[in-house]
Amino acid sequence: MSCPIFDLRYIFMRLFGYARVSTSQQSLDLQVRALKDAGVKANRIFTDKASGSSTDREGLDLLRMKVEEGDVILVKKLDRLGRDTADMIQLIKEFDAQGVAV
């Protein structure tokens, strides 16, 4: 998805963040801090603590319901978005079709 300079959707865009850890030994803190440092408001950061094989990601489901055309989703690393490469690509395509940049 392109971001033309004069596209009004990007003047009024909202910034969202998503963070995910896949083991109980990992912490969301570094990812959340990086998202806040990038300008994402705390109430627009969605998180999940689940194994990579788990399909139950409440934070991601809530994010999907919140975003609208023109919004931007930030992740610290793309691999945090999906459980595997195919899942990550599918999610990016889904958001792109909605007019949401990742």
C-alpha atoms as a PDB file:
ATOM      1  CA  MET A   1       0.000   0.000   0.000  1.00  0.00           C
ATOM      2  CA  SER A   2       1.400   3.390  -0.936  1.00  0.00           C
ATOM      3  CA  CYS A   3       1.291   6.501   1.210  1.00  0.00           C
ATOM      4  CA  PRO A   4       0.832   9.468  -1.144  1.00  0.00           C
ATOM      5  CA  ILE A   5       1.717  12.815   0.396  1.00  0.00           C
ATOM      6  CA  PHE A   6      -1.643  14.402  -0.380  1.00  0.00           C
ATOM      7  CA  ASP A   7      -3.869  11.470   0.537  1.00  0.00           C
ATOM      8  CA  LEU A   8      -6.147  12.805   3.299  1.00  0.00           C
ATOM      9  CA  ARG A   9      -6.467   9.344   4.854  1.00  0.00           C
ATOM     10  CA  TYR A  10      -2.894   9.705   6.090  1.00  0.00           C
ATOM     11  CA  ILE A  11      -3.415  13.166   7.546  1.00  0.00           C
ATOM     12  CA  PHE A  12      -6.077  11.778   9.869  1.00  0.00           C
ATOM     13  CA  MET A  13      -4.547   8.329  10.360  1.00  0.00           C
ATOM     14  CA  ARG A  14      -4.533   6.626  13.709  1.00  0.00           C
ATOM     15  CA  LEU A  15      -1.485   4.766  14.939  1.00  0.00           C
ATOM     16  CA  PHE A  16      -1.934   1.328  16.529  1.00  0.00           C
ATOM     17  CA  GLY A  17       0.586  -1.136  17.904  1.00  0.00           C
ATOM     18  CA  TYR A  18       0.679  -4.895  18.275  1.00  0.00           C
ATOM     19  CA  ALA A  19       3.017  -6.959  20.441  1.00  0.00           C
ATOM     20  CA  ARG A  20       3.131 -10.710  20.966  1.00  0.00           C
ATOM     21  CA  VAL A  21       5.262 -13.139  22.913  1.00  0.00           C
ATOM     22  CA  SER A  22       5.093 -16.865  22.397  1.00  0.00           C
ATOM     23  CA  THR A  23       6.557 -18.233  25.626  1.00  0.00           C
ATOM     24  CA  SER A  24       6.018 -17.516  29.303  1.00  0.00           C
ATOM     25  CA  GLN A  25       9.736 -16.689  29.608  1.00  0.00           C
ATOM     26  CA  GLN A  26       9.406 -13.761  27.179  1.00  0.00           C
ATOM     27  CA  SER A  27       8.260 -10.289  28.172  1.00  0.00           C
ATOM     28  CA  LEU A  28       6.066  -7.843  26.298  1.00  0.00           C
ATOM     29  CA  ASP A  29       7.792  -4.882  27.980  1.00  0.00           C
ATOM     30  CA  LEU A  30      10.466  -4.204  25.339  1.00  0.00           C
ATOM     31  CA  GLN A  31       7.990  -4.384  22.471  1.00  0.00           C
ATOM     32  CA  VAL A  32       5.435  -2.178  24.227  1.00  0.00           C
ATOM     33  CA  ARG A  33       8.111   0.367  25.180  1.00  0.00           C
ATOM     34  CA  ALA A  34       9.324   0.511  21.556  1.00  0.00           C
ATOM     35  CA  LEU A  35       5.762   1.082  20.326  1.00  0.00           C
ATOM     36  CA  LYS A  36       5.228   3.897  22.850  1.00  0.00           C
ATOM     37  CA  ASP A  37       8.578   5.443  21.864  1.00  0.00           C
ATOM     38  CA  ALA A  38       7.366   5.384  18.246  1.00  0.00           C
ATOM     39  CA  GLY A  39       4.319   7.433  19.243  1.00  0.00           C
ATOM     40  CA  VAL A  40       1.643   4.794  19.766  1.00  0.00           C
ATOM     41  CA  LYS A  41      -0.733   5.701  22.605  1.00  0.00           C
ATOM     42  CA  ALA A  42      -0.994   3.086  25.363  1.00  0.00           C
ATOM     43  CA  ASN A  43      -4.723   2.561  24.747  1.00  0.00           C
ATOM     44  CA  ARG A  44      -3.975   1.669  21.117  1.00  0.00           C
ATOM     45  CA  ILE A  45      -1.456  -1.072  21.864  1.00  0.00           C
ATOM     46  CA  PHE A  46      -2.834  -4.609  21.642  1.00  0.00           C
ATOM     47  CA  THR A  47      -0.943  -7.571  23.060  1.00  0.00           C
ATOM     48  CA  ASP A  48      -1.022 -11.352  23.139  1.00  0.00           C
ATOM     49  CA  LYS A  49       0.803 -13.923  25.242  1.00  0.00           C
ATOM     50  CA  ALA A  50       0.402 -17.226  23.430  1.00  0.00           C
ATOM     51  CA  SER A  51       2.402 -20.017  21.902  1.00  0.00           C
ATOM     52  CA  GLY A  52       3.254 -19.740  18.238  1.00  0.00           C
ATOM     53  CA  SER A  53       0.916 -22.614  17.463  1.00  0.00           C
ATOM     54  CA  SER A  54      -2.064 -21.078  19.265  1.00  0.00           C
ATOM     55  CA  THR A  55      -4.716 -19.555  17.041  1.00  0.00           C
ATOM     56  CA  ASP A  56      -6.430 -17.819  19.985  1.00  0.00           C
ATOM     57  CA  ARG A  57      -5.097 -14.250  19.885  1.00  0.00           C
ATOM     58  CA  GLU A  58      -7.592 -11.971  21.600  1.00  0.00           C
ATOM     59  CA  GLY A  59      -5.389  -8.887  21.251  1.00  0.00           C
ATOM     60  CA  LEU A  60      -5.043  -9.356  17.499  1.00  0.00           C
ATOM     61  CA  ASP A  61      -8.777  -9.992  17.163  1.00  0.00           C
ATOM     62  CA  LEU A  62      -9.528  -6.727  19.012  1.00  0.00           C
ATOM     63  CA  LEU A  63      -7.027  -4.864  16.834  1.00  0.00           C
ATOM     64  CA  ARG A  64      -8.705  -6.212  13.695  1.00  0.00           C
ATOM     65  CA  MET A  65     -12.047  -4.850  14.931  1.00  0.00           C
ATOM     66  CA  LYS A  66     -10.630  -1.404  15.774  1.00  0.00           C
ATOM     67  CA  VAL A  67      -8.612  -0.492  12.692  1.00  0.00           C
ATOM     68  CA  GLU A  68     -10.132   1.364   9.768  1.00  0.00           C
ATOM     69  CA  GLU A  69      -8.987   2.515   6.360  1.00  0.00           C
ATOM     70  CA  GLY A  70      -6.074   4.923   6.668  1.00  0.00           C
ATOM     71  CA  ASP A  71      -4.858   3.559  10.013  1.00  0.00           C
ATOM     72  CA  VAL A  72      -1.310   2.317  10.569  1.00  0.00           C
ATOM     73  CA  ILE A  73      -0.257  -0.701  12.641  1.00  0.00           C
ATOM     74  CA  LEU A  74       3.264  -0.789  14.059  1.00  0.00           C
ATOM     75  CA  VAL A  75       5.032  -3.918  15.261  1.00  0.00           C
ATOM     76  CA  LYS A  76       8.577  -4.038  16.641  1.00  0.00           C
ATOM     77  CA  LYS A  77       9.362  -6.951  14.316  1.00  0.00           C
ATOM     78  CA  LEU A  78       7.157  -8.414  11.589  1.00  0.00           C
ATOM     79  CA  ASP A  79       7.521 -11.921  13.005  1.00  0.00           C
ATOM     80  CA  ARG A  80       5.509 -10.766  16.042  1.00  0.00           C
ATOM     81  CA  LEU A  81       2.476 -10.268  13.809  1.00  0.00           C
ATOM     82  CA  GLY A  82       2.080 -13.864  12.658  1.00  0.00           C
ATOM     83  CA  ARG A  83       2.682 -17.361  13.987  1.00  0.00           C
ATOM     84  CA  ASP A  84       4.606 -18.248  10.827  1.00  0.00           C
ATOM     85  CA  THR A  85       5.457 -16.676   7.475  1.00  0.00           C
ATOM     86  CA  ALA A  86       2.222 -17.766   5.783  1.00  0.00           C
ATOM     87  CA  ASP A  87       0.117 -16.383   8.654  1.00  0.00           C
ATOM     88  CA  MET A  88       2.058 -13.112   8.623  1.00  0.00           C
ATOM     89  CA  ILE A  89       1.602 -12.671   4.864  1.00  0.00           C
ATOM     90  CA  GLN A  90      -2.127 -13.448   5.129  1.00  0.00           C
ATOM     91  CA  LEU A  91      -2.566 -10.839   7.879  1.00  0.00           C
ATOM     92  CA  ILE A  92      -0.657  -8.169   5.951  1.00  0.00           C
ATOM     93  CA  LYS A  93      -2.798  -8.863   2.864  1.00  0.00           C
ATOM     94  CA  GLU A  94      -5.955  -8.676   4.997  1.00  0.00           C
ATOM     95  CA  PHE A  95      -4.951  -5.327   6.481  1.00  0.00           C
ATOM     96  CA  ASP A  96      -3.850  -4.007   3.072  1.00  0.00           C
ATOM     97  CA  ALA A  97      -7.251  -4.892   1.580  1.00  0.00           C
ATOM     98  CA  GLN A  98      -8.810  -2.831   4.404  1.00  0.00           C
ATOM     99  CA  GLY A  99      -6.574   0.126   3.585  1.00  0.00           C
ATOM    100  CA  VAL A 100      -4.557  -0.366   6.782  1.00  0.00           C
ATOM    101  CA  ALA A 101      -0.753  -0.066   6.566  1.00  0.00           C
ATOM    102  CA  VAL A 102       1.563  -2.353   8.538  1.00  0.00           C
END
